[in-house]
């Protein structure tokens, strides 16, 4: 009995801790928390059983489910400060959702090791925008992309984010800062994009994973319900704290902190991909 209690205590504490970190990260960086949740789930899912080959899909699907709650909480906190550009959200919404659906369909045909490598590579590439001042401070335009440019960027953002189980905030922040938006306003608006991506993505991963063999205990398709509840219940507590921290930091420092964080996560995921 004691062994059984310990076996449940360890993953529960890990998931609750991941939720606290994910909520804070979602608030301060506008990212939905996927960059925290996915690596944490790679550590915890083996404790819930199942086949290792399924962990990447379950981690990404579960991350998407947690982002629904986390990003909504973060968005509301940013909106209270008047920092969210709702016009961008309305303009991008249809294309983000369509891209998201395409990404979920593609994920159903991609091996777990490939998904892990894509995650790590994408995170590492995105870190350069925040660590290299010449890139991060560069402004291409004072207008957001329109027409086919908007379709391509928003659709690609939805596809890329659903494949990685993230809220898409990092890419959205890059685009908005390159188009002259402040880092604080970009982060606030990106939290809303996380909601647009997470809802269809979570539903899609649950659907394509139905009846799959070797899933960890408590999984509905590729969404692990106990992990979702544990993480989301904690993230709603810390998301407002992250929002407050974001609005108190200088833009240059905020960018550097985020860039370093992305590099650490990328290295972790590269290491994990070698275990497949």
C-alpha atoms as a PDB file:
ATOM      1  CA  UNK A   1       0.000   0.000   0.000  1.00  0.00           C
ATOM      2  CA  UNK A   2       2.812   2.410   0.862  1.00  0.00           C
ATOM      3  CA  UNK A   3       4.469   1.736  -2.471  1.00  0.00           C
ATOM      4  CA  UNK A   4       1.193   2.426  -4.298  1.00  0.00           C
ATOM      5  CA  UNK A   5       0.797   5.730  -2.442  1.00  0.00           C
ATOM      6  CA  UNK A   6       4.352   6.791  -3.332  1.00  0.00           C
ATOM      7  CA  UNK A   7       3.834   5.826  -6.984  1.00  0.00           C
ATOM      8  CA  UNK A   8       0.859   8.210  -7.191  1.00  0.00           C
ATOM      9  CA  UNK A   9       2.371  10.949  -5.022  1.00  0.00           C
ATOM     10  CA  UNK A  10       5.374  11.558  -7.273  1.00  0.00           C
ATOM     11  CA  UNK A  11       3.483  12.177 -10.550  1.00  0.00           C
ATOM     12  CA  UNK A  12       0.833  14.223  -8.744  1.00  0.00           C
ATOM     13  CA  UNK A  13       3.386  16.586  -7.218  1.00  0.00           C
ATOM     14  CA  UNK A  14       5.189  16.850 -10.568  1.00  0.00           C
ATOM     15  CA  UNK A  15       1.958  17.707 -12.385  1.00  0.00           C
ATOM     16  CA  UNK A  16       0.880  20.271  -9.794  1.00  0.00           C
ATOM     17  CA  UNK A  17       4.313  21.878  -9.965  1.00  0.00           C
ATOM     18  CA  UNK A  18       4.173  21.945 -13.764  1.00  0.00           C
ATOM     19  CA  UNK A  19       0.783  23.642 -13.527  1.00  0.00           C
ATOM     20  CA  UNK A  20       2.172  26.378 -11.281  1.00  0.00           C
ATOM     21  CA  UNK A  21       5.080  27.003 -13.652  1.00  0.00           C
ATOM     22  CA  UNK A  22       2.885  26.799 -16.761  1.00  0.00           C
ATOM     23  CA  UNK A  23       0.455  29.368 -15.410  1.00  0.00           C
ATOM     24  CA  UNK A  24       3.232  31.795 -14.538  1.00  0.00           C
ATOM     25  CA  UNK A  25       4.917  31.265 -17.921  1.00  0.00           C
ATOM     26  CA  UNK A  26       1.606  31.789 -19.711  1.00  0.00           C
ATOM     27  CA  UNK A  27       1.096  35.083 -17.934  1.00  0.00           C
ATOM     28  CA  UNK A  28       4.587  36.474 -18.286  1.00  0.00           C
ATOM     29  CA  UNK A  29       5.311  35.241 -21.823  1.00  0.00           C
ATOM     30  CA  UNK A  30       1.831  34.878 -23.377  1.00  0.00           C
ATOM     31  CA  UNK A  31       2.689  31.368 -24.509  1.00  0.00           C
ATOM     32  CA  UNK A  32      -0.077  29.190 -23.071  1.00  0.00           C
ATOM     33  CA  UNK A  33       2.385  27.184 -20.987  1.00  0.00           C
ATOM     34  CA  UNK A  34       3.031  24.377 -23.476  1.00  0.00           C
ATOM     35  CA  UNK A  35       6.796  24.826 -23.289  1.00  0.00           C
ATOM     36  CA  UNK A  36       6.549  23.916 -19.586  1.00  0.00           C
ATOM     37  CA  UNK A  37       3.820  21.293 -19.750  1.00  0.00           C
ATOM     38  CA  UNK A  38       5.169  19.137 -22.600  1.00  0.00           C
ATOM     39  CA  UNK A  39       8.628  18.518 -21.041  1.00  0.00           C
ATOM     40  CA  UNK A  40       7.005  17.890 -17.644  1.00  0.00           C
ATOM     41  CA  UNK A  41       4.655  15.322 -19.149  1.00  0.00           C
ATOM     42  CA  UNK A  42       7.557  13.489 -20.766  1.00  0.00           C
ATOM     43  CA  UNK A  43       8.893  12.968 -17.243  1.00  0.00           C
ATOM     44  CA  UNK A  44       5.561  12.047 -15.638  1.00  0.00           C
ATOM     45  CA  UNK A  45       3.808   9.888 -18.250  1.00  0.00           C
ATOM     46  CA  UNK A  46       6.089   6.855 -17.725  1.00  0.00           C
ATOM     47  CA  UNK A  47       4.806   6.778 -14.130  1.00  0.00           C
ATOM     48  CA  UNK A  48       1.249   6.397 -15.475  1.00  0.00           C
ATOM     49  CA  UNK A  49       2.145   3.386 -17.623  1.00  0.00           C
ATOM     50  CA  UNK A  50       1.499   2.900 -21.304  1.00  0.00           C
ATOM     51  CA  UNK A  51       3.757   2.509 -24.310  1.00  0.00           C
ATOM     52  CA  UNK A  52       6.700   4.917 -24.685  1.00  0.00           C
ATOM     53  CA  UNK A  53       5.891   5.353 -28.372  1.00  0.00           C
ATOM     54  CA  UNK A  54       2.638   7.097 -27.372  1.00  0.00           C
ATOM     55  CA  UNK A  55       4.114   9.607 -24.921  1.00  0.00           C
ATOM     56  CA  UNK A  56       4.873  12.364 -27.437  1.00  0.00           C
ATOM     57  CA  UNK A  57       1.314  12.414 -28.776  1.00  0.00           C
ATOM     58  CA  UNK A  58      -0.220  12.249 -25.290  1.00  0.00           C
ATOM     59  CA  UNK A  59       2.073  14.989 -23.996  1.00  0.00           C
ATOM     60  CA  UNK A  60       1.148  17.306 -26.864  1.00  0.00           C
ATOM     61  CA  UNK A  61      -2.587  16.532 -26.727  1.00  0.00           C
ATOM     62  CA  UNK A  62      -2.700  16.985 -22.958  1.00  0.00           C
ATOM     63  CA  UNK A  63      -0.726  20.216 -23.191  1.00  0.00           C
ATOM     64  CA  UNK A  64      -3.304  21.582 -25.630  1.00  0.00           C
ATOM     65  CA  UNK A  65      -6.100  20.730 -23.189  1.00  0.00           C
ATOM     66  CA  UNK A  66      -4.396  22.550 -20.309  1.00  0.00           C
ATOM     67  CA  UNK A  67      -3.749  25.605 -22.480  1.00  0.00           C
ATOM     68  CA  UNK A  68      -7.499  26.156 -22.899  1.00  0.00           C
ATOM     69  CA  UNK A  69      -7.800  27.036 -19.202  1.00  0.00           C
ATOM     70  CA  UNK A  70      -4.406  28.673 -18.790  1.00  0.00           C
ATOM     71  CA  UNK A  71      -4.634  30.965 -21.807  1.00  0.00           C
ATOM     72  CA  UNK A  72      -8.164  32.128 -20.982  1.00  0.00           C
ATOM     73  CA  UNK A  73      -7.043  33.019 -17.466  1.00  0.00           C
ATOM     74  CA  UNK A  74      -3.999  34.848 -18.811  1.00  0.00           C
ATOM     75  CA  UNK A  75      -6.021  36.652 -21.485  1.00  0.00           C
ATOM     76  CA  UNK A  76      -8.518  37.977 -18.958  1.00  0.00           C
ATOM     77  CA  UNK A  77      -5.743  39.257 -16.714  1.00  0.00           C
ATOM     78  CA  UNK A  78      -4.031  41.070 -19.608  1.00  0.00           C
ATOM     79  CA  UNK A  79      -7.372  42.455 -20.829  1.00  0.00           C
ATOM     80  CA  UNK A  80      -7.982  44.078 -17.443  1.00  0.00           C
ATOM     81  CA  UNK A  81      -4.835  46.106 -18.093  1.00  0.00           C
ATOM     82  CA  UNK A  82      -6.068  47.129 -21.558  1.00  0.00           C
ATOM     83  CA  UNK A  83      -3.115  45.434 -23.247  1.00  0.00           C
ATOM     84  CA  UNK A  84      -4.907  43.014 -25.618  1.00  0.00           C
ATOM     85  CA  UNK A  85      -5.372  43.884 -29.309  1.00  0.00           C
ATOM     86  CA  UNK A  86      -8.683  42.136 -29.976  1.00  0.00           C
ATOM     87  CA  UNK A  87      -8.715  43.264 -33.611  1.00  0.00           C
ATOM     88  CA  UNK A  88      -5.689  41.070 -34.322  1.00  0.00           C
ATOM     89  CA  UNK A  89      -7.433  38.130 -32.658  1.00  0.00           C
ATOM     90  CA  UNK A  90     -10.549  38.616 -34.798  1.00  0.00           C
ATOM     91  CA  UNK A  91      -8.519  38.925 -37.999  1.00  0.00           C
ATOM     92  CA  UNK A  92      -6.377  35.868 -37.316  1.00  0.00           C
ATOM     93  CA  UNK A  93      -8.981  33.545 -35.780  1.00  0.00           C
ATOM     94  CA  UNK A  94     -10.354  31.743 -38.880  1.00  0.00           C
ATOM     95  CA  UNK A  95      -6.913  31.031 -40.354  1.00  0.00           C
ATOM     96  CA  UNK A  96      -5.380  29.962 -37.055  1.00  0.00           C
ATOM     97  CA  UNK A  97      -8.197  27.453 -36.488  1.00  0.00           C
ATOM     98  CA  UNK A  98      -7.941  26.035 -40.028  1.00  0.00           C
ATOM     99  CA  UNK A  99      -4.184  25.639 -39.655  1.00  0.00           C
ATOM    100  CA  UNK A 100      -4.712  24.038 -36.272  1.00  0.00           C
ATOM    101  CA  UNK A 101      -7.020  21.392 -37.751  1.00  0.00           C
ATOM    102  CA  UNK A 102      -4.446  20.640 -40.458  1.00  0.00           C
ATOM    103  CA  UNK A 103      -1.757  20.230 -37.810  1.00  0.00           C
ATOM    104  CA  UNK A 104      -3.805  17.754 -35.796  1.00  0.00           C
ATOM    105  CA  UNK A 105      -4.464  15.659 -38.912  1.00  0.00           C
ATOM    106  CA  UNK A 106      -0.737  15.720 -39.736  1.00  0.00           C
ATOM    107  CA  UNK A 107       0.218  14.800 -36.152  1.00  0.00           C
ATOM    108  CA  UNK A 108      -1.840  11.621 -36.441  1.00  0.00           C
ATOM    109  CA  UNK A 109       0.571  10.413 -39.127  1.00  0.00           C
ATOM    110  CA  UNK A 110       3.860  11.495 -37.527  1.00  0.00           C
ATOM    111  CA  UNK A 111       6.055   9.277 -35.337  1.00  0.00           C
ATOM    112  CA  UNK A 112       6.584  10.347 -31.719  1.00  0.00           C
ATOM    113  CA  UNK A 113      10.349  10.760 -32.117  1.00  0.00           C
ATOM    114  CA  UNK A 114       9.801  13.068 -35.084  1.00  0.00           C
ATOM    115  CA  UNK A 115       7.351  15.181 -33.080  1.00  0.00           C
ATOM    116  CA  UNK A 116       9.907  15.501 -30.284  1.00  0.00           C
ATOM    117  CA  UNK A 117      12.649  16.607 -32.678  1.00  0.00           C
ATOM    118  CA  UNK A 118      10.311  19.094 -34.362  1.00  0.00           C
ATOM    119  CA  UNK A 119       9.435  20.526 -30.955  1.00  0.00           C
ATOM    120  CA  UNK A 120      13.066  20.908 -29.909  1.00  0.00           C
ATOM    121  CA  UNK A 121      14.201  22.368 -33.243  1.00  0.00           C
ATOM    122  CA  UNK A 122      11.345  24.851 -33.384  1.00  0.00           C
ATOM    123  CA  UNK A 123      11.971  26.049 -29.832  1.00  0.00           C
ATOM    124  CA  UNK A 124      15.709  26.499 -30.451  1.00  0.00           C
ATOM    125  CA  UNK A 125      15.145  28.498 -33.646  1.00  0.00           C
ATOM    126  CA  UNK A 126      12.619  30.767 -31.956  1.00  0.00           C
ATOM    127  CA  UNK A 127      15.022  31.537 -29.100  1.00  0.00           C
ATOM    128  CA  UNK A 128      17.287  33.462 -31.500  1.00  0.00           C
ATOM    129  CA  UNK A 129      14.642  36.145 -31.970  1.00  0.00           C
ATOM    130  CA  UNK A 130      14.831  36.964 -28.271  1.00  0.00           C
ATOM    131  CA  UNK A 131      18.541  36.466 -27.591  1.00  0.00           C
ATOM    132  CA  UNK A 132      19.997  38.271 -30.622  1.00  0.00           C
ATOM    133  CA  UNK A 133      19.229  42.006 -30.264  1.00  0.00           C
ATOM    134  CA  UNK A 134      19.658  42.602 -33.996  1.00  0.00           C
ATOM    135  CA  UNK A 135      16.755  40.230 -34.653  1.00  0.00           C
ATOM    136  CA  UNK A 136      14.574  40.980 -31.663  1.00  0.00           C
ATOM    137  CA  UNK A 137      14.734  44.768 -32.086  1.00  0.00           C
ATOM    138  CA  UNK A 138      14.212  44.776 -35.849  1.00  0.00           C
ATOM    139  CA  UNK A 139      10.922  46.202 -37.149  1.00  0.00           C
ATOM    140  CA  UNK A 140       9.830  45.279 -40.675  1.00  0.00           C
ATOM    141  CA  UNK A 141       6.572  47.241 -40.787  1.00  0.00           C
ATOM    142  CA  UNK A 142       4.216  49.298 -38.668  1.00  0.00           C
ATOM    143  CA  UNK A 143       1.233  47.323 -40.027  1.00  0.00           C
ATOM    144  CA  UNK A 144       0.222  43.733 -39.352  1.00  0.00           C
ATOM    145  CA  UNK A 145       0.214  41.438 -42.423  1.00  0.00           C
ATOM    146  CA  UNK A 146      -2.990  41.365 -44.438  1.00  0.00           C
ATOM    147  CA  UNK A 147      -4.358  39.342 -47.354  1.00  0.00           C
ATOM    148  CA  UNK A 148      -2.455  36.169 -48.217  1.00  0.00           C
ATOM    149  CA  UNK A 149       0.344  37.144 -45.869  1.00  0.00           C
ATOM    150  CA  UNK A 150      -2.061  36.949 -42.945  1.00  0.00           C
ATOM    151  CA  UNK A 151      -3.499  33.640 -44.195  1.00  0.00           C
ATOM    152  CA  UNK A 152      -0.027  32.111 -44.527  1.00  0.00           C
ATOM    153  CA  UNK A 153       1.292  33.324 -41.170  1.00  0.00           C
ATOM    154  CA  UNK A 154      -1.845  32.643 -39.121  1.00  0.00           C
ATOM    155  CA  UNK A 155      -2.490  29.296 -40.815  1.00  0.00           C
ATOM    156  CA  UNK A 156       1.134  28.235 -40.450  1.00  0.00           C
ATOM    157  CA  UNK A 157       1.055  29.328 -36.819  1.00  0.00           C
ATOM    158  CA  UNK A 158      -1.978  27.115 -36.157  1.00  0.00           C
ATOM    159  CA  UNK A 159      -0.387  24.099 -37.868  1.00  0.00           C
ATOM    160  CA  UNK A 160       2.991  24.511 -36.167  1.00  0.00           C
ATOM    161  CA  UNK A 161       1.489  25.068 -32.726  1.00  0.00           C
ATOM    162  CA  UNK A 162      -0.880  22.103 -32.839  1.00  0.00           C
ATOM    163  CA  UNK A 163       2.037  19.847 -33.793  1.00  0.00           C
ATOM    164  CA  UNK A 164       3.990  21.029 -30.753  1.00  0.00           C
ATOM    165  CA  UNK A 165       1.169  21.268 -28.222  1.00  0.00           C
ATOM    166  CA  UNK A 166       1.839  24.951 -27.568  1.00  0.00           C
ATOM    167  CA  UNK A 167      -0.328  28.051 -27.594  1.00  0.00           C
ATOM    168  CA  UNK A 168       1.525  29.649 -30.492  1.00  0.00           C
ATOM    169  CA  UNK A 169       2.454  32.676 -28.450  1.00  0.00           C
ATOM    170  CA  UNK A 170       6.140  32.655 -29.343  1.00  0.00           C
ATOM    171  CA  UNK A 171       5.586  32.873 -33.104  1.00  0.00           C
ATOM    172  CA  UNK A 172       2.774  35.396 -32.680  1.00  0.00           C
ATOM    173  CA  UNK A 173       4.959  37.575 -30.458  1.00  0.00           C
ATOM    174  CA  UNK A 174       7.744  37.483 -33.056  1.00  0.00           C
ATOM    175  CA  UNK A 175       5.365  38.616 -35.804  1.00  0.00           C
ATOM    176  CA  UNK A 176       3.816  41.378 -33.719  1.00  0.00           C
ATOM    177  CA  UNK A 177       7.125  42.787 -32.487  1.00  0.00           C
ATOM    178  CA  UNK A 178       8.475  42.733 -36.066  1.00  0.00           C
ATOM    179  CA  UNK A 179       5.398  44.776 -36.984  1.00  0.00           C
ATOM    180  CA  UNK A 180       6.065  47.448 -34.395  1.00  0.00           C
ATOM    181  CA  UNK A 181       3.973  46.237 -31.463  1.00  0.00           C
ATOM    182  CA  UNK A 182       5.555  46.511 -28.027  1.00  0.00           C
ATOM    183  CA  UNK A 183       6.663  43.292 -26.343  1.00  0.00           C
ATOM    184  CA  UNK A 184       4.083  43.824 -23.598  1.00  0.00           C
ATOM    185  CA  UNK A 185       1.184  44.280 -26.038  1.00  0.00           C
ATOM    186  CA  UNK A 186       2.384  41.364 -28.158  1.00  0.00           C
ATOM    187  CA  UNK A 187       2.516  39.058 -25.126  1.00  0.00           C
ATOM    188  CA  UNK A 188      -0.970  40.116 -24.020  1.00  0.00           C
ATOM    189  CA  UNK A 189      -2.486  39.501 -27.461  1.00  0.00           C
ATOM    190  CA  UNK A 190      -0.624  36.209 -27.911  1.00  0.00           C
ATOM    191  CA  UNK A 191      -2.369  34.805 -24.851  1.00  0.00           C
ATOM    192  CA  UNK A 192      -5.638  35.003 -26.792  1.00  0.00           C
ATOM    193  CA  UNK A 193      -4.138  33.183 -29.746  1.00  0.00           C
ATOM    194  CA  UNK A 194      -3.403  30.318 -27.369  1.00  0.00           C
ATOM    195  CA  UNK A 195      -7.120  29.902 -26.764  1.00  0.00           C
ATOM    196  CA  UNK A 196      -7.873  29.874 -30.494  1.00  0.00           C
ATOM    197  CA  UNK A 197      -5.335  27.109 -31.018  1.00  0.00           C
ATOM    198  CA  UNK A 198      -5.924  25.005 -27.926  1.00  0.00           C
ATOM    199  CA  UNK A 199      -9.646  24.262 -28.228  1.00  0.00           C
ATOM    200  CA  UNK A 200      -9.700  22.583 -31.667  1.00  0.00           C
ATOM    201  CA  UNK A 201      -6.286  21.048 -31.016  1.00  0.00           C
ATOM    202  CA  UNK A 202      -7.342  19.342 -27.772  1.00  0.00           C
ATOM    203  CA  UNK A 203     -10.542  18.053 -29.357  1.00  0.00           C
ATOM    204  CA  UNK A 204      -8.611  16.800 -32.364  1.00  0.00           C
ATOM    205  CA  UNK A 205      -5.957  14.950 -30.348  1.00  0.00           C
ATOM    206  CA  UNK A 206      -8.621  13.320 -28.205  1.00  0.00           C
ATOM    207  CA  UNK A 207     -10.419  12.191 -31.363  1.00  0.00           C
ATOM    208  CA  UNK A 208      -7.457  10.809 -33.336  1.00  0.00           C
ATOM    209  CA  UNK A 209      -6.186   8.952 -30.275  1.00  0.00           C
ATOM    210  CA  UNK A 210      -9.424   7.096 -29.532  1.00  0.00           C
ATOM    211  CA  UNK A 211      -8.928   3.307 -29.420  1.00  0.00           C
ATOM    212  CA  UNK A 212      -5.166   3.659 -29.732  1.00  0.00           C
ATOM    213  CA  UNK A 213      -3.339   0.893 -27.792  1.00  0.00           C
ATOM    214  CA  UNK A 214      -0.741   1.554 -25.088  1.00  0.00           C
ATOM    215  CA  UNK A 215      -2.075   4.860 -23.768  1.00  0.00           C
ATOM    216  CA  UNK A 216      -1.221   5.930 -20.185  1.00  0.00           C
ATOM    217  CA  UNK A 217      -3.872   5.457 -17.503  1.00  0.00           C
ATOM    218  CA  UNK A 218      -6.675   8.044 -17.565  1.00  0.00           C
ATOM    219  CA  UNK A 219      -6.278   9.016 -21.208  1.00  0.00           C
ATOM    220  CA  UNK A 220      -9.139  10.023 -23.496  1.00  0.00           C
ATOM    221  CA  UNK A 221      -7.478   9.555 -26.835  1.00  0.00           C
ATOM    222  CA  UNK A 222      -4.237  11.521 -26.707  1.00  0.00           C
ATOM    223  CA  UNK A 223      -5.466  13.709 -23.824  1.00  0.00           C
ATOM    224  CA  UNK A 224      -4.646  12.496 -20.321  1.00  0.00           C
ATOM    225  CA  UNK A 225      -7.492  13.695 -18.111  1.00  0.00           C
ATOM    226  CA  UNK A 226      -5.880  13.418 -14.641  1.00  0.00           C
ATOM    227  CA  UNK A 227      -2.847  15.353 -15.863  1.00  0.00           C
ATOM    228  CA  UNK A 228      -5.058  17.989 -17.477  1.00  0.00           C
ATOM    229  CA  UNK A 229      -7.029  18.554 -14.277  1.00  0.00           C
ATOM    230  CA  UNK A 230      -3.929  18.686 -12.068  1.00  0.00           C
ATOM    231  CA  UNK A 231      -2.046  21.127 -14.293  1.00  0.00           C
ATOM    232  CA  UNK A 232      -5.003  23.388 -15.126  1.00  0.00           C
ATOM    233  CA  UNK A 233      -6.093  23.655 -11.484  1.00  0.00           C
ATOM    234  CA  UNK A 234      -2.710  25.122 -10.559  1.00  0.00           C
ATOM    235  CA  UNK A 235      -2.106  27.248 -13.655  1.00  0.00           C
ATOM    236  CA  UNK A 236      -5.180  29.414 -13.007  1.00  0.00           C
ATOM    237  CA  UNK A 237      -3.617  30.456  -9.706  1.00  0.00           C
ATOM    238  CA  UNK A 238      -0.285  31.642 -11.096  1.00  0.00           C
ATOM    239  CA  UNK A 239      -1.264  33.085 -14.491  1.00  0.00           C
ATOM    240  CA  UNK A 240      -2.227  36.497 -12.989  1.00  0.00           C
ATOM    241  CA  UNK A 241       1.106  36.573 -11.145  1.00  0.00           C
ATOM    242  CA  UNK A 242       2.910  36.070 -14.447  1.00  0.00           C
ATOM    243  CA  UNK A 243       0.892  38.869 -16.028  1.00  0.00           C
ATOM    244  CA  UNK A 244       1.866  41.244 -13.218  1.00  0.00           C
ATOM    245  CA  UNK A 245       5.522  40.264 -13.598  1.00  0.00           C
ATOM    246  CA  UNK A 246       5.425  40.822 -17.359  1.00  0.00           C
ATOM    247  CA  UNK A 247       4.127  44.359 -17.025  1.00  0.00           C
ATOM    248  CA  UNK A 248       6.735  45.212 -14.391  1.00  0.00           C
ATOM    249  CA  UNK A 249       9.809  44.059 -16.350  1.00  0.00           C
ATOM    250  CA  UNK A 250      11.762  46.104 -18.875  1.00  0.00           C
ATOM    251  CA  UNK A 251      11.163  44.868 -22.457  1.00  0.00           C
ATOM    252  CA  UNK A 252      14.844  44.031 -23.113  1.00  0.00           C
ATOM    253  CA  UNK A 253      15.139  41.955 -19.941  1.00  0.00           C
ATOM    254  CA  UNK A 254      11.844  40.193 -20.647  1.00  0.00           C
ATOM    255  CA  UNK A 255      13.080  39.151 -24.088  1.00  0.00           C
ATOM    256  CA  UNK A 256      16.394  37.808 -22.754  1.00  0.00           C
ATOM    257  CA  UNK A 257      14.738  35.803 -19.986  1.00  0.00           C
ATOM    258  CA  UNK A 258      12.336  34.247 -22.481  1.00  0.00           C
ATOM    259  CA  UNK A 259      15.150  33.427 -24.927  1.00  0.00           C
ATOM    260  CA  UNK A 260      17.226  31.650 -22.277  1.00  0.00           C
ATOM    261  CA  UNK A 261      14.187  29.718 -21.158  1.00  0.00           C
ATOM    262  CA  UNK A 262      13.569  28.491 -24.715  1.00  0.00           C
ATOM    263  CA  UNK A 263      17.166  27.281 -25.104  1.00  0.00           C
ATOM    264  CA  UNK A 264      16.952  25.244 -21.879  1.00  0.00           C
ATOM    265  CA  UNK A 265      13.699  23.617 -22.984  1.00  0.00           C
ATOM    266  CA  UNK A 266      15.118  22.838 -26.453  1.00  0.00           C
ATOM    267  CA  UNK A 267      18.156  21.088 -24.961  1.00  0.00           C
ATOM    268  CA  UNK A 268      15.925  19.014 -22.683  1.00  0.00           C
ATOM    269  CA  UNK A 269      13.754  17.883 -25.585  1.00  0.00           C
ATOM    270  CA  UNK A 270      16.742  17.065 -27.828  1.00  0.00           C
ATOM    271  CA  UNK A 271      18.073  14.856 -25.033  1.00  0.00           C
ATOM    272  CA  UNK A 272      14.696  13.177 -24.632  1.00  0.00           C
ATOM    273  CA  UNK A 273      14.390  12.455 -28.360  1.00  0.00           C
ATOM    274  CA  UNK A 274      17.481  10.257 -28.143  1.00  0.00           C
ATOM    275  CA  UNK A 275      15.588   7.839 -25.856  1.00  0.00           C
ATOM    276  CA  UNK A 276      13.255   6.709 -28.638  1.00  0.00           C
END
